[in-house]
N, C-alpha and C. Protein backbone atom coordinates (compact mmCIF):
# COMPACT_ATOMS: atom_id res chain seq x y z
N MET A 1 25.72 -1.48 -20.86
CA MET A 1 24.17 -1.43 -20.39
C MET A 1 23.69 -1.75 -19.18
N LYS A 2 22.79 -0.77 -18.41
CA LYS A 2 22.03 -1.24 -17.13
C LYS A 2 21.81 -2.49 -17.65
N ASN A 3 21.16 -3.43 -16.60
CA ASN A 3 20.28 -4.42 -16.43
C ASN A 3 18.93 -3.83 -15.99
N LEU A 4 17.94 -4.33 -16.44
CA LEU A 4 16.65 -3.44 -16.25
C LEU A 4 16.04 -3.98 -14.91
N PHE A 5 16.38 -5.17 -14.81
CA PHE A 5 15.85 -5.80 -13.46
C PHE A 5 16.49 -6.14 -12.09
N GLU A 6 18.08 -5.05 -12.55
CA GLU A 6 18.56 -5.16 -10.90
C GLU A 6 18.28 -4.13 -10.20
N LEU A 7 18.56 -5.12 -9.12
CA LEU A 7 18.01 -4.29 -7.56
C LEU A 7 18.10 -3.07 -7.21
N ASN A 8 18.65 -1.98 -7.77
CA ASN A 8 18.75 -0.67 -7.53
C ASN A 8 17.34 -0.29 -6.49
N THR A 9 18.38 0.34 -5.53
CA THR A 9 17.90 0.88 -4.35
C THR A 9 16.84 2.07 -4.56
N LYS A 10 17.67 2.91 -5.25
CA LYS A 10 16.66 4.34 -5.93
C LYS A 10 14.94 3.80 -7.02
N ARG A 11 15.37 2.92 -7.56
CA ARG A 11 14.37 2.40 -8.42
C ARG A 11 13.21 1.58 -7.46
N VAL A 12 13.73 0.78 -6.15
CA VAL A 12 13.28 0.02 -4.94
C VAL A 12 12.66 1.30 -4.52
N VAL A 13 12.73 2.55 -4.32
CA VAL A 13 12.04 2.96 -3.01
C VAL A 13 11.04 4.17 -3.93
N ILE A 14 11.28 4.25 -5.24
CA ILE A 14 10.17 5.13 -5.81
C ILE A 14 9.21 3.90 -6.56
N LEU A 15 9.12 2.73 -6.45
CA LEU A 15 8.23 1.82 -6.89
C LEU A 15 7.78 1.78 -5.62
N SER A 16 8.32 1.67 -4.24
CA SER A 16 7.67 1.34 -3.46
C SER A 16 6.23 2.98 -2.66
N ILE A 17 7.22 4.00 -3.63
CA ILE A 17 6.11 5.09 -3.01
C ILE A 17 4.63 4.98 -3.80
N ILE A 18 5.27 4.69 -5.27
CA ILE A 18 4.13 4.03 -6.15
C ILE A 18 3.32 3.28 -5.40
N LEU A 19 3.77 2.05 -5.34
CA LEU A 19 2.48 0.84 -4.81
C LEU A 19 2.02 1.58 -3.37
N LEU A 20 2.40 2.43 -2.90
CA LEU A 20 1.58 2.36 -1.56
C LEU A 20 0.82 4.22 -1.86
N LEU A 21 0.63 4.59 -2.35
CA LEU A 21 0.06 5.67 -3.18
C LEU A 21 -1.57 5.13 -3.04
N PRO A 22 -1.86 4.28 -4.29
CA PRO A 22 -3.75 3.91 -3.62
C PRO A 22 -4.21 4.19 -1.75
N ALA A 23 -3.04 2.93 -0.83
CA ALA A 23 -3.56 3.40 -0.16
C ALA A 23 -3.34 4.31 0.81
N ILE A 24 -2.99 4.56 0.65
CA ILE A 24 -2.54 6.05 1.59
C ILE A 24 -3.58 7.35 1.11
N PHE A 25 -3.72 7.00 -0.21
CA PHE A 25 -4.99 8.16 -1.00
C PHE A 25 -6.40 7.66 -0.03
N ILE A 26 -6.82 5.95 0.23
CA ILE A 26 -7.50 5.58 0.50
C ILE A 26 -7.50 5.82 1.95
N LEU A 27 -7.06 5.58 2.54
CA LEU A 27 -6.99 5.99 4.26
C LEU A 27 -6.98 7.41 4.67
N GLY A 28 -6.38 8.33 3.36
CA GLY A 28 -6.41 9.98 3.73
C GLY A 28 -8.29 9.92 3.15
N SER A 29 -8.51 9.21 2.33
CA SER A 29 -9.83 9.66 2.30
C SER A 29 -11.50 9.15 3.26
N ILE A 30 -10.76 8.05 3.64
CA ILE A 30 -11.60 7.75 4.71
C ILE A 30 -11.25 8.51 5.89
N SER A 31 -10.46 8.82 6.48
CA SER A 31 -10.06 9.61 7.48
C SER A 31 -10.84 11.30 7.37
N LEU A 32 -10.66 11.72 6.31
CA LEU A 32 -11.65 12.95 5.96
C LEU A 32 -12.73 12.65 5.81
N GLN A 33 -13.21 11.97 5.90
CA GLN A 33 -14.47 11.20 5.05
C GLN A 33 -15.03 11.54 7.07
N SER A 34 -14.74 10.46 7.63
CA SER A 34 -14.80 10.16 9.10
C SER A 34 -14.63 11.34 10.09
N VAL A 35 -13.81 12.32 9.96
CA VAL A 35 -13.54 13.15 10.99
C VAL A 35 -14.08 14.26 10.59
N PHE A 36 -14.13 14.63 9.11
CA PHE A 36 -14.78 16.20 9.17
C PHE A 36 -16.01 16.02 7.72
N ASN A 37 -16.60 14.67 7.31
CA ASN A 37 -17.96 14.33 6.92
C ASN A 37 -17.74 14.89 5.75
N ILE A 38 -16.39 14.78 5.18
CA ILE A 38 -15.84 15.21 3.38
C ILE A 38 -15.95 14.12 2.59
N SER A 39 -16.39 13.68 1.64
CA SER A 39 -16.36 12.90 0.51
C SER A 39 -15.49 13.06 -0.64
N LEU A 40 -14.52 12.26 -0.24
CA LEU A 40 -13.59 12.61 -1.47
C LEU A 40 -13.13 11.16 -2.03
N PRO A 41 -12.62 11.50 -3.34
CA PRO A 41 -12.09 10.56 -4.25
C PRO A 41 -10.92 9.53 -3.45
N PRO A 42 -10.63 8.34 -3.66
CA PRO A 42 -11.40 7.17 -4.05
C PRO A 42 -12.42 6.54 -3.96
N VAL A 43 -12.96 6.78 -2.50
CA VAL A 43 -13.76 6.15 -1.85
C VAL A 43 -14.95 6.06 -1.77
N SER A 44 -14.96 7.67 -2.10
CA SER A 44 -16.77 8.12 -2.51
C SER A 44 -17.15 7.42 -4.28
N ILE A 45 -15.94 7.57 -4.68
CA ILE A 45 -16.46 6.87 -6.17
C ILE A 45 -16.72 5.61 -6.12
N LEU A 46 -15.96 4.86 -5.49
CA LEU A 46 -16.38 3.27 -5.10
C LEU A 46 -17.20 3.43 -4.69
N LYS A 47 -17.69 4.09 -3.18
CA LYS A 47 -19.31 3.78 -2.97
C LYS A 47 -20.56 4.02 -3.66
N GLU A 48 -20.26 5.02 -4.85
CA GLU A 48 -20.99 5.26 -5.80
C GLU A 48 -21.70 4.60 -6.91
N TYR A 49 -20.27 4.14 -7.30
CA TYR A 49 -20.28 2.99 -8.21
C TYR A 49 -20.32 1.37 -8.28
N SER A 50 -19.78 1.09 -6.50
CA SER A 50 -19.08 -0.41 -6.64
C SER A 50 -20.41 -1.42 -6.74
N PRO A 51 -21.45 -0.64 -5.72
CA PRO A 51 -22.95 -1.75 -5.61
C PRO A 51 -23.36 -2.30 -6.21
N GLY A 52 -23.05 -2.22 -7.88
CA GLY A 52 -23.11 -2.68 -9.18
C GLY A 52 -21.92 -3.73 -9.28
N TRP A 53 -21.23 -3.78 -8.87
CA TRP A 53 -19.90 -4.39 -9.26
C TRP A 53 -20.31 -6.00 -8.57
N PRO A 54 -19.69 -6.93 -8.94
CA PRO A 54 -19.47 -8.40 -8.87
C PRO A 54 -18.82 -8.40 -7.02
N LEU A 55 -19.09 -9.21 -6.37
CA LEU A 55 -18.23 -9.14 -5.19
C LEU A 55 -16.79 -9.63 -5.19
N TRP A 56 -16.43 -10.31 -6.20
CA TRP A 56 -15.04 -10.35 -6.36
C TRP A 56 -13.90 -9.32 -6.71
N ILE A 57 -14.81 -8.50 -7.93
CA ILE A 57 -14.23 -7.53 -8.49
C ILE A 57 -14.01 -6.17 -7.32
N ARG A 58 -14.85 -6.50 -6.63
CA ARG A 58 -14.48 -5.32 -4.90
C ARG A 58 -13.76 -5.78 -4.46
N PHE A 59 -13.72 -7.13 -3.83
CA PHE A 59 -12.66 -7.56 -2.76
C PHE A 59 -11.40 -7.33 -3.64
N GLY A 60 -11.21 -7.68 -5.03
CA GLY A 60 -9.77 -7.26 -5.87
C GLY A 60 -9.59 -5.79 -5.44
N ILE A 61 -10.33 -5.26 -5.96
CA ILE A 61 -9.56 -3.85 -5.69
C ILE A 61 -9.31 -3.31 -4.36
N PHE A 62 -10.17 -3.64 -3.02
CA PHE A 62 -9.83 -3.76 -1.83
C PHE A 62 -8.46 -4.52 -1.47
N ALA A 63 -8.24 -5.31 -1.60
CA ALA A 63 -7.25 -6.51 -1.35
C ALA A 63 -5.64 -5.61 -2.25
N PHE A 64 -5.80 -5.77 -3.26
CA PHE A 64 -5.12 -5.04 -4.16
C PHE A 64 -4.01 -3.95 -3.56
N SER A 65 -5.11 -2.78 -3.74
CA SER A 65 -4.55 -2.04 -3.45
C SER A 65 -4.50 -1.21 -1.92
N VAL A 66 -4.73 -2.06 -0.94
CA VAL A 66 -4.62 -2.04 0.46
C VAL A 66 -3.93 -3.07 1.14
N ILE A 67 -3.97 -3.82 0.77
CA ILE A 67 -3.04 -5.41 1.54
C ILE A 67 -1.74 -5.66 0.57
N ILE A 68 -2.04 -6.07 -0.60
CA ILE A 68 -0.77 -6.68 -1.55
C ILE A 68 -0.45 -5.72 -2.01
N PHE A 69 -0.50 -4.70 -2.32
CA PHE A 69 0.84 -3.33 -2.69
C PHE A 69 1.72 -3.07 -1.45
N PRO A 70 1.11 -2.84 -0.58
CA PRO A 70 1.68 -2.41 0.86
C PRO A 70 3.07 -3.59 1.22
N ILE A 71 2.78 -5.24 1.31
CA ILE A 71 3.08 -6.17 1.06
C ILE A 71 4.01 -6.35 0.19
N ILE A 72 4.42 -5.86 -1.00
CA ILE A 72 4.90 -6.14 -2.39
C ILE A 72 6.39 -4.93 -1.73
N ALA A 73 5.86 -3.97 -1.63
CA ALA A 73 6.22 -2.75 -1.19
C ALA A 73 7.28 -3.44 -0.03
N VAL A 74 6.57 -3.39 1.42
CA VAL A 74 8.04 -3.81 2.56
C VAL A 74 8.63 -5.34 1.77
N SER A 75 8.28 -6.03 1.19
CA SER A 75 9.42 -7.24 0.28
C SER A 75 10.34 -6.53 -0.52
N LEU A 76 10.36 -5.62 -1.29
CA LEU A 76 10.89 -5.14 -2.66
C LEU A 76 12.39 -4.33 -1.78
N ASN A 77 12.09 -3.85 -0.14
CA ASN A 77 12.75 -2.71 0.39
C ASN A 77 13.36 -3.44 0.83
N VAL A 78 13.34 -4.58 1.70
CA VAL A 78 13.61 -5.64 2.50
C VAL A 78 14.53 -6.52 1.92
N LEU A 79 14.33 -6.89 0.63
CA LEU A 79 14.92 -7.76 -0.46
C LEU A 79 15.85 -6.69 -0.91
N SER A 80 15.93 -5.71 -1.15
CA SER A 80 16.68 -4.42 -1.22
C SER A 80 18.28 -4.08 -0.79
N VAL A 81 17.77 -4.24 0.70
CA VAL A 81 18.49 -3.80 1.92
C VAL A 81 19.48 -4.85 1.71
N PHE A 82 19.05 -6.36 1.48
CA PHE A 82 19.53 -7.58 1.81
C PHE A 82 20.40 -7.69 0.52
N VAL A 83 19.79 -7.66 -0.91
CA VAL A 83 20.89 -7.71 -1.44
C VAL A 83 21.84 -6.85 -2.02
N ASN A 84 21.79 -5.63 -1.85
CA ASN A 84 22.65 -4.52 -2.26
C ASN A 84 23.40 -4.38 -0.94
N LYS A 85 23.75 -5.44 -0.01
CA LYS A 85 24.36 -5.01 1.23
C LYS A 85 25.67 -4.24 1.26
N ASN A 86 26.36 -4.41 -0.17
CA ASN A 86 27.73 -4.23 -0.32
C ASN A 86 27.71 -2.51 -0.99
N SER A 87 26.84 -2.56 -1.87
CA SER A 87 26.72 -1.11 -2.61
C SER A 87 25.32 -0.78 -2.15
N PHE A 88 24.95 -0.10 -0.78
CA PHE A 88 23.75 0.03 -0.74
C PHE A 88 23.95 1.84 -0.48
N GLU A 89 22.93 2.12 -1.41
CA GLU A 89 23.13 3.60 -1.08
C GLU A 89 23.02 4.14 -0.17
N LYS A 90 23.68 4.67 0.84
CA LYS A 90 23.96 5.54 2.31
C LYS A 90 21.88 6.53 1.91
N LYS A 91 22.30 7.56 0.99
CA LYS A 91 21.30 8.34 0.74
C LYS A 91 19.71 8.01 0.71
N TYR A 92 19.58 6.27 0.44
CA TYR A 92 18.16 5.61 0.38
C TYR A 92 18.20 5.02 1.57
N ARG A 93 18.85 4.70 2.68
CA ARG A 93 18.98 3.80 3.57
C ARG A 93 17.81 4.13 4.26
N ALA A 94 17.75 5.77 5.14
CA ALA A 94 16.82 5.86 5.76
C ALA A 94 15.59 6.03 5.20
N ALA A 95 15.55 6.16 3.79
CA ALA A 95 14.05 6.29 2.68
C ALA A 95 13.14 4.74 2.45
N SER A 96 14.41 3.64 2.61
CA SER A 96 13.91 2.13 2.60
C SER A 96 13.24 1.88 3.86
N PHE A 97 14.47 2.58 4.88
CA PHE A 97 13.90 1.55 6.61
C PHE A 97 12.38 2.39 6.71
N ILE A 98 11.77 3.11 6.51
CA ILE A 98 11.17 4.21 6.43
C ILE A 98 10.18 3.41 5.85
N LEU A 99 9.89 3.18 4.57
CA LEU A 99 8.99 2.95 3.85
C LEU A 99 8.73 1.71 4.54
N VAL A 100 9.57 0.48 4.51
CA VAL A 100 9.27 -0.46 5.04
C VAL A 100 8.32 -0.53 6.33
N SER A 101 8.64 0.50 7.43
CA SER A 101 7.78 0.81 8.10
C SER A 101 6.34 0.58 8.14
N VAL A 102 6.23 2.02 7.09
CA VAL A 102 4.65 2.61 6.58
C VAL A 102 4.19 1.43 5.61
N SER A 103 4.45 0.66 5.19
CA SER A 103 4.21 -0.17 4.12
C SER A 103 3.61 -1.49 5.24
N GLY A 104 4.12 -1.39 5.97
CA GLY A 104 3.81 -2.72 7.18
C GLY A 104 2.78 -2.23 7.77
N ILE A 105 2.86 -0.80 8.19
CA ILE A 105 2.00 -0.36 9.09
C ILE A 105 0.91 -0.68 8.81
N LEU A 106 0.22 -0.09 7.24
CA LEU A 106 -0.88 0.15 6.55
C LEU A 106 -1.23 -1.46 6.20
N ALA A 107 -0.31 -2.46 5.83
CA ALA A 107 -0.78 -3.49 5.40
C ALA A 107 -1.35 -4.17 6.57
N LEU A 108 -0.89 -4.11 7.44
CA LEU A 108 -1.23 -4.82 9.05
C LEU A 108 -2.64 -3.77 9.35
N LEU A 109 -2.51 -2.82 9.42
CA LEU A 109 -3.76 -1.96 9.67
C LEU A 109 -5.25 -2.51 8.65
N PHE A 110 -5.02 -2.34 7.03
CA PHE A 110 -5.96 -3.09 6.42
C PHE A 110 -6.27 -4.45 6.89
N ILE A 111 -5.40 -5.14 7.08
CA ILE A 111 -5.42 -6.61 7.16
C ILE A 111 -6.55 -6.83 8.45
N GLY A 112 -5.97 -6.19 9.61
CA GLY A 112 -6.88 -6.02 10.73
C GLY A 112 -8.17 -5.24 10.67
N HIS A 113 -8.36 -4.26 10.02
CA HIS A 113 -9.45 -3.90 10.01
C HIS A 113 -10.57 -5.00 9.02
N THR A 114 -9.83 -6.03 7.75
CA THR A 114 -10.58 -6.60 7.25
C THR A 114 -10.79 -7.70 8.04
N ILE A 115 -10.18 -8.39 8.88
CA ILE A 115 -10.58 -9.09 9.65
C ILE A 115 -11.86 -9.07 11.02
N ALA A 116 -11.82 -7.64 11.54
CA ALA A 116 -12.50 -7.30 12.27
C ALA A 116 -14.03 -7.33 11.56
N ASP A 117 -13.87 -6.46 10.66
CA ASP A 117 -14.99 -6.72 9.74
C ASP A 117 -15.82 -8.02 9.50
N CYS A 118 -14.63 -8.67 9.03
CA CYS A 118 -15.49 -10.16 8.77
C CYS A 118 -15.64 -10.78 10.76
N ILE A 119 -15.06 -10.57 11.11
CA ILE A 119 -15.53 -11.02 12.76
C ILE A 119 -16.96 -10.46 13.26
N ALA A 120 -16.96 -8.96 12.91
CA ALA A 120 -18.39 -7.97 13.04
C ALA A 120 -19.76 -8.75 12.20
N GLY A 121 -19.13 -9.22 11.20
CA GLY A 121 -20.10 -9.53 10.35
C GLY A 121 -21.08 -8.61 9.87
N THR A 122 -19.75 -7.59 9.35
CA THR A 122 -19.90 -5.92 8.58
C THR A 122 -19.42 -6.40 6.96
N HIS A 123 -18.71 -7.47 6.63
CA HIS A 123 -18.51 -7.37 5.88
C HIS A 123 -19.15 -7.22 4.16
């Protein structure tokens, strides 16, 4: 029986894609709203219902969905590359490196946005 917690590259790639989906949906929704003035979920739902929520819940949703999940995806992919050096599946090598790049860029983009909002005082 295989160990469930074994760092399999295929599982890591699939988990990383799942972890990146909220950030990609939010980024896509924000982009469509700013470019085409189309309000799509999840941002439209958050704008409608979140003003009544406490600040820590709103910040937690933002932090986990667009900063922490992409950082976890980067960490898992980098860890799978270094741990499975000998048995690293070659067909997932490109996917893993692409996911590390996309995850890192998304995390840095939203971290920079958060810092810029705090400096500008619009948080």
